[in-house]
N, C-alpha and C. Protein backbone atom coordinates (compact mmCIF):
# COMPACT_ATOMS: atom_id res chain seq x y z
N GLY A 1 -36.55 42.27 -28.93
CA GLY A 1 -36.21 41.81 -27.56
C GLY A 1 -36.68 42.78 -26.64
N PRO A 2 -36.73 42.55 -25.26
CA PRO A 2 -37.13 43.69 -24.34
C PRO A 2 -36.24 44.85 -24.36
N LEU A 3 -36.94 45.96 -24.14
CA LEU A 3 -36.16 47.21 -24.28
C LEU A 3 -36.10 47.64 -22.82
N HIS A 4 -35.21 48.88 -22.82
CA HIS A 4 -35.14 49.62 -21.45
C HIS A 4 -33.68 49.56 -21.02
N ARG A 5 -33.49 49.58 -19.58
CA ARG A 5 -32.30 49.58 -19.18
C ARG A 5 -31.77 48.05 -18.90
N CYS A 6 -31.78 47.24 -20.02
CA CYS A 6 -31.29 46.00 -20.01
C CYS A 6 -30.02 45.97 -20.80
N ARG A 7 -29.01 45.21 -20.42
CA ARG A 7 -27.76 45.22 -20.96
C ARG A 7 -27.41 43.97 -21.64
N GLY A 8 -26.75 43.95 -22.85
CA GLY A 8 -26.38 42.72 -23.56
C GLY A 8 -25.22 41.97 -23.08
N SER A 9 -24.68 42.49 -21.96
CA SER A 9 -23.38 41.82 -21.41
C SER A 9 -23.30 42.31 -20.04
N ASP A 10 -22.46 41.44 -19.10
CA ASP A 10 -22.20 41.64 -17.79
C ASP A 10 -21.51 42.95 -17.60
N ARG A 11 -20.33 43.13 -18.46
CA ARG A 11 -19.71 44.36 -18.26
C ARG A 11 -20.38 45.65 -18.65
N ALA A 12 -21.26 45.60 -19.47
CA ALA A 12 -21.99 46.82 -19.78
C ALA A 12 -23.10 46.97 -18.50
N THR A 13 -23.58 45.95 -18.03
CA THR A 13 -24.39 46.03 -16.72
C THR A 13 -23.59 46.82 -15.57
N ALA A 14 -22.26 46.45 -15.55
CA ALA A 14 -21.52 46.89 -14.40
C ALA A 14 -21.39 48.33 -14.66
N ARG A 15 -21.19 48.78 -15.82
CA ARG A 15 -21.17 50.23 -16.36
C ARG A 15 -22.32 50.95 -15.97
N ALA A 16 -23.59 50.22 -16.29
CA ALA A 16 -24.99 50.87 -16.00
C ALA A 16 -24.96 51.27 -14.44
N GLU A 17 -24.53 50.20 -13.51
CA GLU A 17 -24.73 50.48 -12.20
C GLU A 17 -23.71 51.69 -11.75
N ALA A 18 -22.48 51.80 -12.30
CA ALA A 18 -21.61 52.77 -11.84
C ALA A 18 -22.30 54.20 -12.35
N ARG A 19 -22.98 54.15 -13.38
CA ARG A 19 -23.59 55.39 -13.98
C ARG A 19 -25.09 55.60 -13.32
N GLY A 20 -25.43 55.01 -12.21
CA GLY A 20 -26.89 54.99 -11.97
C GLY A 20 -27.62 56.16 -11.91
N SER A 21 -27.08 57.28 -11.56
CA SER A 21 -27.93 58.62 -11.37
C SER A 21 -28.15 59.17 -12.75
N GLU A 22 -27.47 58.66 -13.78
CA GLU A 22 -27.92 59.24 -15.30
C GLU A 22 -29.15 58.75 -15.77
N THR A 23 -29.86 59.41 -16.72
CA THR A 23 -31.08 59.02 -17.21
C THR A 23 -30.74 57.79 -18.15
N PRO A 24 -31.34 56.66 -17.91
CA PRO A 24 -30.93 55.49 -18.90
C PRO A 24 -31.52 55.73 -20.25
N PRO A 25 -30.87 55.25 -21.14
CA PRO A 25 -31.38 55.27 -22.58
C PRO A 25 -32.31 54.07 -22.87
N VAL A 26 -33.03 54.06 -23.93
CA VAL A 26 -33.61 52.82 -24.43
C VAL A 26 -32.55 51.91 -24.95
N ILE A 27 -32.53 50.57 -24.37
CA ILE A 27 -31.58 49.64 -24.76
C ILE A 27 -32.21 48.42 -25.28
N VAL A 28 -31.81 47.94 -26.44
CA VAL A 28 -32.44 46.55 -26.92
C VAL A 28 -31.53 45.41 -26.24
N ALA A 29 -32.20 44.55 -25.58
CA ALA A 29 -31.47 43.28 -25.09
C ALA A 29 -32.17 42.12 -25.58
N PRO A 30 -31.44 41.20 -26.21
CA PRO A 30 -31.89 39.89 -26.75
C PRO A 30 -32.27 38.89 -25.60
N ILE A 31 -32.95 37.95 -25.81
CA ILE A 31 -33.37 37.02 -24.83
C ILE A 31 -32.11 36.45 -24.14
N GLN A 32 -31.13 36.15 -25.03
CA GLN A 32 -29.86 35.59 -24.36
C GLN A 32 -29.23 36.49 -23.16
N ALA A 33 -29.40 37.74 -23.44
CA ALA A 33 -28.80 38.65 -22.28
C ALA A 33 -29.68 38.52 -21.03
N LEU A 34 -31.01 38.35 -21.25
CA LEU A 34 -31.92 38.35 -20.00
C LEU A 34 -31.82 37.03 -19.28
N MET A 35 -31.47 36.02 -20.10
CA MET A 35 -31.34 34.58 -19.36
C MET A 35 -30.02 34.42 -18.85
N GLN A 36 -28.95 35.32 -19.12
CA GLN A 36 -27.80 35.14 -18.52
C GLN A 36 -27.61 35.77 -17.18
N PRO A 37 -27.08 35.07 -16.09
CA PRO A 37 -26.90 35.56 -14.80
C PRO A 37 -25.95 36.62 -14.71
N VAL A 38 -25.99 37.69 -13.99
CA VAL A 38 -25.02 38.76 -13.72
C VAL A 38 -24.91 38.94 -12.26
N PRO A 39 -23.85 39.73 -11.96
CA PRO A 39 -23.69 39.82 -10.39
C PRO A 39 -24.86 40.75 -9.76
N ALA A 40 -25.24 40.28 -8.61
CA ALA A 40 -26.35 41.04 -7.98
C ALA A 40 -25.69 42.39 -7.53
N PRO A 41 -26.63 43.36 -7.48
CA PRO A 41 -26.19 44.76 -6.99
C PRO A 41 -25.34 44.92 -5.94
N GLN A 42 -25.48 44.14 -5.04
CA GLN A 42 -24.33 44.21 -3.80
C GLN A 42 -23.11 43.56 -4.15
N THR A 43 -23.12 42.57 -4.93
CA THR A 43 -21.82 42.17 -5.53
C THR A 43 -21.14 42.95 -6.37
N LEU A 44 -21.86 43.70 -7.15
CA LEU A 44 -21.22 44.65 -8.09
C LEU A 44 -20.67 45.85 -7.22
N ALA A 45 -21.36 46.26 -6.22
CA ALA A 45 -20.96 47.20 -5.35
C ALA A 45 -19.63 46.95 -4.79
N ARG A 46 -19.36 45.70 -4.40
CA ARG A 46 -18.07 45.24 -3.81
C ARG A 46 -16.84 45.28 -4.82
N HIS A 47 -17.20 45.26 -6.06
CA HIS A 47 -16.27 45.21 -7.13
C HIS A 47 -16.15 46.46 -8.02
N THR A 48 -16.57 47.53 -7.23
CA THR A 48 -16.54 48.89 -7.81
C THR A 48 -15.23 49.57 -7.36
N LEU A 49 -14.34 50.00 -8.24
CA LEU A 49 -13.20 50.88 -7.83
C LEU A 49 -13.55 52.19 -7.86
N HIS A 50 -13.18 52.86 -6.72
CA HIS A 50 -13.41 54.45 -6.62
C HIS A 50 -12.13 54.95 -6.62
N VAL A 51 -11.96 56.04 -7.36
CA VAL A 51 -10.56 56.76 -7.43
C VAL A 51 -10.87 58.30 -7.36
N ARG A 52 -10.11 58.94 -6.51
CA ARG A 52 -10.34 60.46 -6.38
C ARG A 52 -9.00 61.07 -6.24
N VAL A 53 -8.96 62.33 -6.79
CA VAL A 53 -7.69 63.11 -6.51
C VAL A 53 -7.32 63.19 -5.09
N GLY A 54 -6.08 62.77 -4.80
CA GLY A 54 -5.77 62.91 -3.30
C GLY A 54 -5.81 61.44 -2.72
N ALA A 55 -6.33 60.49 -3.36
CA ALA A 55 -6.32 59.17 -2.86
C ALA A 55 -6.75 58.09 -3.75
N PHE A 56 -6.66 56.95 -3.30
CA PHE A 56 -6.94 55.96 -4.22
C PHE A 56 -7.57 54.84 -3.41
N SER A 57 -8.75 54.47 -3.48
CA SER A 57 -9.33 53.39 -2.60
C SER A 57 -10.07 52.31 -3.28
N SER A 58 -9.95 51.06 -2.87
CA SER A 58 -10.72 49.95 -3.28
C SER A 58 -11.14 49.33 -1.90
N GLY A 59 -12.47 49.75 -1.51
CA GLY A 59 -12.86 49.38 -0.22
C GLY A 59 -12.38 50.69 0.68
N ASP A 60 -11.80 50.37 1.72
CA ASP A 60 -11.21 51.40 2.55
C ASP A 60 -9.71 51.67 2.62
N LYS A 61 -9.09 51.00 1.64
CA LYS A 61 -7.59 50.91 1.75
C LYS A 61 -7.05 52.00 0.67
N THR A 62 -5.94 52.69 1.15
CA THR A 62 -5.28 53.51 0.14
C THR A 62 -4.17 52.50 -0.58
N ARG A 63 -4.00 52.74 -1.89
CA ARG A 63 -3.17 51.73 -2.51
C ARG A 63 -2.18 52.60 -3.38
N SER A 64 -1.40 51.82 -4.05
CA SER A 64 -0.24 52.24 -5.06
C SER A 64 -0.64 52.02 -6.53
N PRO A 65 0.30 52.42 -7.43
CA PRO A 65 -0.01 52.24 -8.82
C PRO A 65 -0.19 50.74 -8.93
N GLU A 66 0.86 50.02 -8.39
CA GLU A 66 0.88 48.68 -8.61
C GLU A 66 -0.36 47.92 -8.11
N SER A 67 -1.09 48.32 -7.05
CA SER A 67 -2.28 47.83 -6.46
C SER A 67 -3.41 47.99 -7.56
N LEU A 68 -3.30 49.23 -8.19
CA LEU A 68 -4.31 49.53 -9.08
C LEU A 68 -4.27 48.53 -10.28
N LEU A 69 -3.00 48.34 -10.77
CA LEU A 69 -2.78 47.51 -11.77
C LEU A 69 -3.24 46.10 -11.55
N GLU A 70 -2.80 45.62 -10.27
CA GLU A 70 -3.32 44.38 -9.92
C GLU A 70 -5.05 44.29 -9.78
N TRP A 71 -5.57 45.31 -9.42
CA TRP A 71 -7.08 45.25 -9.41
C TRP A 71 -7.74 45.05 -10.70
N GLY A 72 -6.94 45.86 -11.70
CA GLY A 72 -7.58 45.66 -13.04
C GLY A 72 -7.29 44.10 -13.69
N ILE A 73 -6.00 43.62 -13.43
CA ILE A 73 -5.78 42.38 -13.94
C ILE A 73 -6.77 41.28 -13.21
N ASP A 74 -6.90 41.45 -12.02
CA ASP A 74 -7.74 40.45 -11.18
C ASP A 74 -9.31 40.63 -11.75
N HIS A 75 -9.55 41.72 -12.17
CA HIS A 75 -11.10 41.89 -12.78
C HIS A 75 -11.23 41.83 -14.24
N GLY A 76 -10.39 41.12 -14.95
CA GLY A 76 -10.48 40.69 -16.28
C GLY A 76 -9.87 41.73 -17.25
N PHE A 77 -9.11 42.78 -16.87
CA PHE A 77 -8.36 43.56 -17.78
C PHE A 77 -7.10 43.02 -18.25
N ALA A 78 -6.82 43.26 -19.35
CA ALA A 78 -5.53 42.74 -20.24
C ALA A 78 -4.56 43.78 -19.98
N ARG A 79 -3.28 43.30 -19.59
CA ARG A 79 -2.26 44.29 -19.36
C ARG A 79 -1.45 44.43 -20.85
N LEU A 80 -1.24 45.67 -21.25
CA LEU A 80 -0.68 45.94 -22.44
C LEU A 80 0.33 47.05 -22.10
N GLU A 81 1.22 47.31 -23.19
CA GLU A 81 2.26 48.38 -22.94
C GLU A 81 1.40 49.75 -23.09
N MET A 82 0.42 49.81 -23.98
CA MET A 82 -0.49 50.85 -24.06
C MET A 82 -1.81 50.45 -24.32
N VAL A 83 -2.89 51.09 -23.73
CA VAL A 83 -4.20 50.73 -23.87
C VAL A 83 -4.78 51.06 -25.26
N GLU A 84 -5.47 50.09 -25.79
CA GLU A 84 -6.03 50.28 -27.04
C GLU A 84 -7.52 50.15 -27.13
N SER A 85 -8.16 49.38 -26.27
CA SER A 85 -9.53 49.33 -26.40
C SER A 85 -10.15 49.01 -24.86
N PRO A 86 -11.46 49.02 -24.64
CA PRO A 86 -12.00 48.63 -23.57
C PRO A 86 -11.58 47.33 -22.86
N GLY A 87 -11.20 47.32 -21.66
CA GLY A 87 -10.62 45.92 -20.91
C GLY A 87 -9.17 46.01 -21.01
N ASP A 88 -8.39 47.05 -21.58
CA ASP A 88 -7.13 47.10 -21.40
C ASP A 88 -6.56 47.98 -20.20
N VAL A 89 -5.32 47.66 -19.54
CA VAL A 89 -4.70 48.39 -18.62
C VAL A 89 -3.27 48.38 -18.77
N ALA A 90 -2.71 49.56 -18.37
CA ALA A 90 -1.22 49.77 -18.60
C ALA A 90 -0.66 50.42 -17.50
N ARG A 91 0.72 50.19 -17.24
CA ARG A 91 1.28 50.97 -16.14
C ARG A 91 2.69 51.61 -16.67
N ARG A 92 3.03 52.84 -16.40
CA ARG A 92 4.33 53.23 -16.64
C ARG A 92 4.80 54.15 -15.53
N GLY A 93 5.58 53.51 -14.73
CA GLY A 93 5.98 54.33 -13.58
C GLY A 93 4.82 54.59 -12.58
N ASP A 94 4.53 55.93 -12.35
CA ASP A 94 3.47 56.36 -11.47
C ASP A 94 2.22 56.73 -12.27
N ILE A 95 2.12 56.24 -13.49
CA ILE A 95 1.10 56.32 -14.31
C ILE A 95 0.39 55.10 -14.64
N VAL A 96 -1.15 54.96 -14.45
CA VAL A 96 -1.76 53.83 -14.71
C VAL A 96 -2.75 54.18 -15.73
N ASP A 97 -2.89 53.58 -16.88
CA ASP A 97 -3.99 53.88 -17.89
C ASP A 97 -5.05 52.80 -17.72
N LEU A 98 -6.26 53.16 -17.59
CA LEU A 98 -7.31 52.08 -17.52
C LEU A 98 -8.45 52.46 -18.44
N PHE A 99 -8.65 51.53 -19.32
CA PHE A 99 -9.71 51.62 -20.53
C PHE A 99 -10.97 50.73 -19.96
N ALA A 100 -11.86 51.34 -19.29
CA ALA A 100 -12.91 50.58 -18.59
C ALA A 100 -13.92 50.05 -19.71
N PHE A 101 -14.66 49.01 -19.37
CA PHE A 101 -15.48 48.18 -20.19
C PHE A 101 -16.58 49.11 -20.38
N GLY A 102 -17.01 49.24 -21.68
CA GLY A 102 -18.27 50.14 -22.07
C GLY A 102 -17.96 51.55 -22.23
N GLU A 103 -16.69 52.07 -22.19
CA GLU A 103 -16.24 53.47 -22.14
C GLU A 103 -15.65 53.77 -23.63
N SER A 104 -15.78 55.03 -24.05
CA SER A 104 -15.28 55.26 -25.39
C SER A 104 -13.80 55.80 -25.36
N THR A 105 -13.40 56.13 -24.20
CA THR A 105 -12.02 56.78 -23.95
C THR A 105 -11.56 56.33 -22.65
N PRO A 106 -10.20 56.05 -22.50
CA PRO A 106 -9.64 55.47 -21.16
C PRO A 106 -9.35 56.52 -20.25
N TYR A 107 -9.07 56.10 -19.03
CA TYR A 107 -8.56 57.12 -17.98
C TYR A 107 -7.23 56.93 -17.74
N ARG A 108 -6.54 58.06 -17.53
CA ARG A 108 -5.06 58.05 -16.99
C ARG A 108 -5.03 58.65 -15.60
N ILE A 109 -4.57 57.81 -14.74
CA ILE A 109 -4.37 58.21 -13.49
C ILE A 109 -2.94 58.31 -12.98
N GLN A 110 -2.63 59.34 -12.59
CA GLN A 110 -1.12 59.57 -12.11
C GLN A 110 -1.05 59.88 -10.62
N PHE A 111 -0.03 59.12 -10.16
CA PHE A 111 0.13 59.12 -8.83
C PHE A 111 1.44 59.83 -8.39
N HIS A 112 1.50 60.33 -7.19
CA HIS A 112 2.71 61.07 -6.58
C HIS A 112 2.76 60.19 -5.15
N ASP A 113 3.83 59.30 -5.25
CA ASP A 113 3.95 58.24 -4.07
C ASP A 113 2.69 57.42 -4.11
N GLU A 114 1.85 57.53 -2.95
CA GLU A 114 0.61 56.71 -3.08
C GLU A 114 -0.54 57.49 -3.05
N GLN A 115 -0.35 58.81 -3.48
CA GLN A 115 -1.56 59.63 -3.73
C GLN A 115 -1.98 59.86 -5.09
N VAL A 116 -3.19 60.10 -5.48
CA VAL A 116 -3.55 60.24 -6.72
C VAL A 116 -3.37 61.68 -7.07
N GLU A 117 -2.51 62.13 -8.09
CA GLU A 117 -2.23 63.58 -8.28
C GLU A 117 -3.17 64.18 -9.36
N SER A 118 -3.74 63.25 -10.43
CA SER A 118 -4.64 63.79 -11.43
C SER A 118 -5.21 62.46 -12.01
N ILE A 119 -6.42 62.87 -12.55
CA ILE A 119 -7.35 61.82 -13.26
C ILE A 119 -7.77 62.44 -14.59
N ARG A 120 -7.47 61.80 -15.56
CA ARG A 120 -7.75 62.58 -16.93
C ARG A 120 -8.29 61.36 -17.90
N ARG A 121 -9.30 61.96 -18.91
CA ARG A 121 -9.65 61.01 -19.92
C ARG A 121 -8.70 61.53 -20.98
N PHE A 122 -8.27 60.49 -21.83
CA PHE A 122 -7.33 60.89 -23.09
C PHE A 122 -7.71 60.16 -24.25
N ASP A 123 -7.50 60.76 -25.37
CA ASP A 123 -7.64 60.12 -26.63
C ASP A 123 -6.57 59.13 -27.07
N VAL A 124 -7.07 57.97 -27.37
CA VAL A 124 -6.00 56.84 -27.64
C VAL A 124 -5.17 57.25 -28.87
N SER A 125 -5.57 57.82 -29.88
CA SER A 125 -4.87 58.09 -31.07
C SER A 125 -3.77 59.16 -30.86
N THR A 126 -4.31 60.13 -30.14
CA THR A 126 -3.19 61.34 -29.99
C THR A 126 -2.62 61.31 -28.59
N GLN A 127 -3.06 60.48 -27.64
CA GLN A 127 -2.63 60.54 -26.28
C GLN A 127 -2.72 61.86 -25.61
N ARG A 128 -3.69 62.83 -26.10
CA ARG A 128 -4.03 64.08 -25.49
C ARG A 128 -5.15 64.02 -24.52
N SER A 129 -5.13 64.70 -23.47
CA SER A 129 -6.07 64.81 -22.44
C SER A 129 -7.45 65.47 -23.16
N VAL A 130 -8.62 64.91 -22.77
CA VAL A 130 -9.81 65.40 -23.42
C VAL A 130 -10.83 65.84 -22.19
N GLU A 131 -10.42 65.50 -20.89
CA GLU A 131 -11.08 65.74 -19.87
C GLU A 131 -10.45 65.59 -18.58
N THR A 132 -10.43 66.54 -17.66
CA THR A 132 -9.88 66.39 -16.34
C THR A 132 -11.10 66.02 -15.25
N LEU A 133 -10.89 65.10 -14.47
CA LEU A 133 -11.91 64.70 -13.44
C LEU A 133 -11.24 64.72 -12.08
N GLU A 134 -12.28 64.93 -11.03
CA GLU A 134 -11.88 64.98 -9.69
C GLU A 134 -11.91 63.49 -9.10
N GLU A 135 -12.90 62.45 -9.59
CA GLU A 135 -13.05 61.33 -9.29
C GLU A 135 -13.69 60.56 -10.24
N LEU A 136 -13.68 59.12 -10.07
CA LEU A 136 -14.34 58.13 -11.07
C LEU A 136 -14.67 56.93 -10.11
N ALA A 137 -15.57 56.12 -10.79
CA ALA A 137 -15.95 54.87 -10.31
C ALA A 137 -15.97 53.84 -11.50
N VAL A 138 -15.34 52.71 -11.31
CA VAL A 138 -15.26 51.75 -12.42
C VAL A 138 -15.83 50.43 -11.83
N SER A 139 -16.72 50.00 -12.28
CA SER A 139 -17.45 48.67 -11.92
C SER A 139 -16.87 47.64 -12.83
N ALA A 140 -16.75 46.36 -12.46
CA ALA A 140 -15.99 45.27 -13.06
C ALA A 140 -16.67 43.86 -12.58
N MET A 141 -16.46 43.12 -13.42
CA MET A 141 -16.80 41.57 -13.02
C MET A 141 -16.03 40.96 -11.68
N PRO A 142 -16.58 40.33 -10.86
CA PRO A 142 -15.85 39.67 -9.86
C PRO A 142 -14.72 38.81 -10.26
N PRO A 143 -13.62 38.74 -9.73
CA PRO A 143 -12.47 37.76 -10.10
C PRO A 143 -13.09 36.27 -10.44
N SER A 144 -12.38 35.58 -11.31
CA SER A 144 -12.97 34.40 -11.65
C SER A 144 -12.91 33.42 -10.44
N ALA A 145 -11.95 33.56 -9.58
CA ALA A 145 -11.85 32.67 -8.50
C ALA A 145 -13.05 32.77 -7.57
N SER A 146 -13.47 33.95 -7.48
CA SER A 146 -14.56 34.17 -6.44
C SER A 146 -15.88 34.42 -6.96
N GLY A 147 -15.86 34.28 -8.30
CA GLY A 147 -17.32 34.57 -9.03
C GLY A 147 -18.26 33.48 -8.57
N ALA A 148 -18.01 32.35 -8.55
CA ALA A 148 -18.91 31.24 -8.09
C ALA A 148 -19.59 31.43 -6.93
N ALA A 149 -18.89 32.07 -5.97
CA ALA A 149 -19.35 32.27 -4.66
C ALA A 149 -20.17 33.35 -4.52
N GLU A 150 -20.12 34.46 -5.42
CA GLU A 150 -20.86 35.64 -5.39
C GLU A 150 -22.29 35.39 -5.73
N ALA A 151 -23.05 36.38 -4.99
CA ALA A 151 -24.50 36.40 -5.38
C ALA A 151 -24.76 36.89 -6.80
N ARG A 152 -25.80 36.28 -7.51
CA ARG A 152 -26.04 36.43 -8.90
C ARG A 152 -27.60 36.83 -9.05
N ALA A 153 -27.86 37.50 -9.98
CA ALA A 153 -29.19 38.00 -10.33
C ALA A 153 -29.45 38.00 -11.65
N ASP A 154 -30.74 38.48 -12.08
CA ASP A 154 -30.91 38.79 -13.49
C ASP A 154 -30.74 40.30 -13.78
N LEU A 155 -30.82 40.58 -14.99
CA LEU A 155 -30.74 41.91 -15.38
C LEU A 155 -31.75 42.91 -14.90
N PHE A 156 -33.00 42.29 -14.78
CA PHE A 156 -33.94 42.98 -14.14
C PHE A 156 -33.78 43.63 -12.59
N ALA A 157 -32.88 43.07 -11.96
CA ALA A 157 -32.51 43.54 -10.69
C ALA A 157 -32.01 44.98 -10.89
N TYR A 158 -31.52 45.43 -11.95
CA TYR A 158 -31.05 46.78 -12.26
C TYR A 158 -32.09 47.77 -12.73
N LEU A 159 -33.32 47.35 -13.08
CA LEU A 159 -34.43 48.21 -13.42
C LEU A 159 -35.09 49.11 -12.48
N PRO A 160 -35.33 50.21 -12.69
CA PRO A 160 -36.07 50.98 -11.61
C PRO A 160 -37.52 50.57 -11.71
N PRO A 161 -38.24 50.58 -10.60
CA PRO A 161 -39.66 50.12 -10.42
C PRO A 161 -40.57 50.54 -11.43
N ASP A 162 -40.35 51.75 -12.06
CA ASP A 162 -41.33 52.40 -13.00
C ASP A 162 -40.81 52.08 -14.38
N ALA A 163 -39.98 51.14 -14.64
CA ALA A 163 -39.40 50.71 -15.94
C ALA A 163 -40.51 50.01 -16.75
N LEU A 164 -40.53 50.57 -18.09
CA LEU A 164 -41.49 49.94 -19.23
C LEU A 164 -40.67 48.87 -19.87
N VAL A 165 -41.14 47.44 -19.97
CA VAL A 165 -40.48 46.56 -20.63
C VAL A 165 -41.39 46.15 -21.82
N VAL A 166 -40.65 46.47 -22.98
CA VAL A 166 -41.36 46.03 -24.23
C VAL A 166 -40.78 44.77 -24.90
N LEU A 167 -41.78 43.91 -25.04
CA LEU A 167 -41.53 42.67 -25.62
C LEU A 167 -41.79 42.43 -26.95
N ASP A 168 -41.01 42.38 -27.91
CA ASP A 168 -41.19 42.49 -29.27
C ASP A 168 -41.36 41.01 -29.84
N GLY A 169 -42.55 40.40 -29.81
CA GLY A 169 -42.97 38.96 -30.06
C GLY A 169 -42.86 38.13 -28.97
N PRO A 170 -43.62 38.28 -27.88
CA PRO A 170 -43.39 37.32 -26.90
C PRO A 170 -43.37 35.96 -27.14
N ALA A 171 -44.16 35.44 -27.92
CA ALA A 171 -44.14 34.02 -28.38
C ALA A 171 -42.82 33.64 -29.01
N GLU A 172 -42.24 34.35 -29.92
CA GLU A 172 -41.09 34.16 -30.56
C GLU A 172 -39.90 34.22 -29.48
N ILE A 173 -39.98 35.09 -28.61
CA ILE A 173 -38.94 35.29 -27.45
C ILE A 173 -39.01 33.87 -26.52
N GLN A 174 -40.11 33.47 -26.22
CA GLN A 174 -40.24 32.32 -25.47
C GLN A 174 -39.60 31.08 -26.15
N GLU A 175 -39.93 30.91 -27.34
CA GLU A 175 -39.35 29.83 -28.30
C GLU A 175 -38.03 29.90 -28.40
N MET A 176 -37.49 31.00 -28.60
CA MET A 176 -35.93 31.18 -28.85
C MET A 176 -35.38 31.03 -27.40
N GLY A 177 -35.80 31.37 -26.27
CA GLY A 177 -35.35 31.04 -25.04
C GLY A 177 -35.26 29.46 -24.63
N GLN A 178 -36.24 28.83 -25.18
CA GLN A 178 -36.29 27.39 -24.87
C GLN A 178 -35.28 26.59 -25.81
N ILE A 179 -35.01 27.13 -27.04
CA ILE A 179 -33.99 26.56 -27.83
C ILE A 179 -32.75 26.81 -27.09
N ILE A 180 -32.42 27.99 -26.72
CA ILE A 180 -31.09 28.30 -26.14
C ILE A 180 -30.88 27.48 -24.83
N ARG A 181 -31.84 27.28 -24.08
CA ARG A 181 -31.76 26.36 -22.77
C ARG A 181 -31.53 25.02 -23.13
N GLY A 182 -32.13 24.56 -24.35
CA GLY A 182 -32.12 23.15 -24.75
C GLY A 182 -30.69 22.76 -25.20
N ARG A 183 -29.96 23.81 -25.70
CA ARG A 183 -28.57 23.65 -26.36
C ARG A 183 -27.58 23.47 -25.43
N LEU A 184 -27.78 23.99 -24.20
CA LEU A 184 -26.82 24.02 -22.90
C LEU A 184 -26.90 22.88 -22.11
N LYS A 185 -25.76 22.24 -22.05
CA LYS A 185 -25.67 21.06 -21.08
C LYS A 185 -25.75 21.31 -19.56
N GLU A 186 -25.24 22.48 -19.40
CA GLU A 186 -25.29 22.98 -17.83
C GLU A 186 -26.37 24.02 -17.86
N SER A 187 -27.42 23.51 -17.16
CA SER A 187 -28.75 24.28 -17.11
C SER A 187 -28.49 25.52 -16.08
N ASP A 188 -27.45 25.45 -15.32
CA ASP A 188 -27.19 26.58 -14.30
C ASP A 188 -26.51 27.76 -15.08
N ARG A 189 -26.16 27.71 -16.28
CA ARG A 189 -25.49 28.78 -16.88
C ARG A 189 -26.57 29.77 -17.36
N VAL A 190 -27.81 29.45 -17.43
CA VAL A 190 -28.77 30.51 -17.89
C VAL A 190 -30.05 30.21 -17.04
N PHE A 191 -30.80 31.29 -16.90
CA PHE A 191 -32.18 31.18 -16.20
C PHE A 191 -33.23 30.53 -17.24
N ASP A 192 -34.16 30.00 -16.84
CA ASP A 192 -35.27 29.35 -17.59
C ASP A 192 -35.99 30.61 -18.13
N VAL A 193 -36.32 30.47 -19.54
CA VAL A 193 -36.97 31.77 -20.24
C VAL A 193 -38.41 31.81 -19.55
N THR A 194 -39.06 30.92 -19.01
CA THR A 194 -40.33 30.97 -18.28
C THR A 194 -40.18 31.93 -17.07
N ASP A 195 -39.23 31.73 -16.32
CA ASP A 195 -38.84 32.40 -15.20
C ASP A 195 -38.60 33.97 -15.60
N VAL A 196 -37.82 34.09 -16.66
CA VAL A 196 -37.48 35.42 -17.01
C VAL A 196 -38.73 36.23 -17.39
N LEU A 197 -39.57 35.57 -18.12
CA LEU A 197 -40.84 36.34 -18.60
C LEU A 197 -41.76 36.55 -17.49
N ALA A 198 -41.71 35.63 -16.39
CA ALA A 198 -42.46 35.90 -15.27
C ALA A 198 -42.06 37.01 -14.43
N THR A 199 -40.84 37.25 -14.29
CA THR A 199 -40.06 38.39 -13.71
C THR A 199 -40.53 39.72 -14.43
N CYS A 200 -40.75 39.73 -15.73
CA CYS A 200 -41.24 40.76 -16.40
C CYS A 200 -42.56 41.45 -15.72
N GLY A 201 -43.38 40.39 -15.17
CA GLY A 201 -44.63 40.72 -14.59
C GLY A 201 -44.35 41.89 -13.37
N ARG A 202 -43.16 42.14 -13.06
CA ARG A 202 -43.08 43.21 -11.97
C ARG A 202 -43.13 44.74 -12.55
N PHE A 203 -43.09 44.64 -13.93
CA PHE A 203 -43.05 45.92 -14.53
C PHE A 203 -44.15 46.07 -15.50
N ALA A 204 -44.36 47.35 -15.76
CA ALA A 204 -45.38 47.82 -16.98
C ALA A 204 -44.76 47.07 -18.04
N GLN A 205 -45.69 46.60 -18.93
CA GLN A 205 -45.18 45.93 -20.29
C GLN A 205 -46.09 46.35 -21.43
N LEU A 206 -45.44 46.38 -22.49
CA LEU A 206 -45.85 46.55 -23.84
C LEU A 206 -45.65 45.30 -24.74
N HIS A 207 -46.50 44.65 -25.28
CA HIS A 207 -46.38 43.56 -26.20
C HIS A 207 -46.53 43.89 -27.65
N LEU A 208 -45.45 43.72 -28.45
CA LEU A 208 -45.65 43.87 -29.95
C LEU A 208 -45.70 42.56 -30.70
N SER A 209 -46.49 42.65 -31.63
CA SER A 209 -46.76 41.26 -32.36
C SER A 209 -46.62 41.71 -34.08
N ARG A 210 -46.29 40.77 -34.80
CA ARG A 210 -46.16 40.94 -36.21
C ARG A 210 -47.09 40.15 -36.79
N PHE A 211 -47.75 40.56 -37.88
CA PHE A 211 -48.87 39.88 -38.61
C PHE A 211 -48.41 39.81 -39.99
N GLY A 212 -48.56 38.58 -40.54
CA GLY A 212 -48.17 38.24 -41.90
C GLY A 212 -48.88 38.96 -42.90
N SER A 213 -48.39 39.30 -44.16
CA SER A 213 -49.21 39.96 -45.31
C SER A 213 -50.22 39.04 -45.85
N SER A 214 -51.42 39.18 -46.15
CA SER A 214 -52.14 38.50 -46.90
C SER A 214 -51.97 38.25 -48.36
N ALA A 215 -51.20 39.07 -48.80
CA ALA A 215 -50.66 38.92 -50.24
C ALA A 215 -49.98 37.75 -50.62
């Protein structure tokens, strides 16, 4: 499948946007991922949570631990007594644990009244802090109630202009894309593979092909 800064899921794409300044790794993305609509960059920006020591903001508002918990639930996090895996959120008094999608360790955000007292990463198994932070940004999918009205894009919207897209078997990719589209009754659930491959034309490309053995 195409390589570079393409993600195999919407939530991973959100994390990529939040980490935008980092050097992107080479990522393998199946054609299913490229055909799947994702939030447009401006949509994702509206659903990025910014937390810093001394304050908590979603937009321009200062919030409470309960509001942080509600933000997580509204954006697809599952409320548990203790976070266990990405997509979990928990609250115990003035402490909110948030295990962001695509992360290997969760965040522990401790409040004093409505001010953020500390932000730490911690190990799930030992509950011990592994890193202290001054701020963090967590991107998430729009709430389901508003998702239909939000602007959508394809994953190529997140590629830098100088990205190199590698197509491993272009003919096979197109064939698989047509099969996927044909199996879906609701055509608006995915982009047409022809349009996806045409979008690749905005970037430098490398096509790989396989040749059968003569033996």
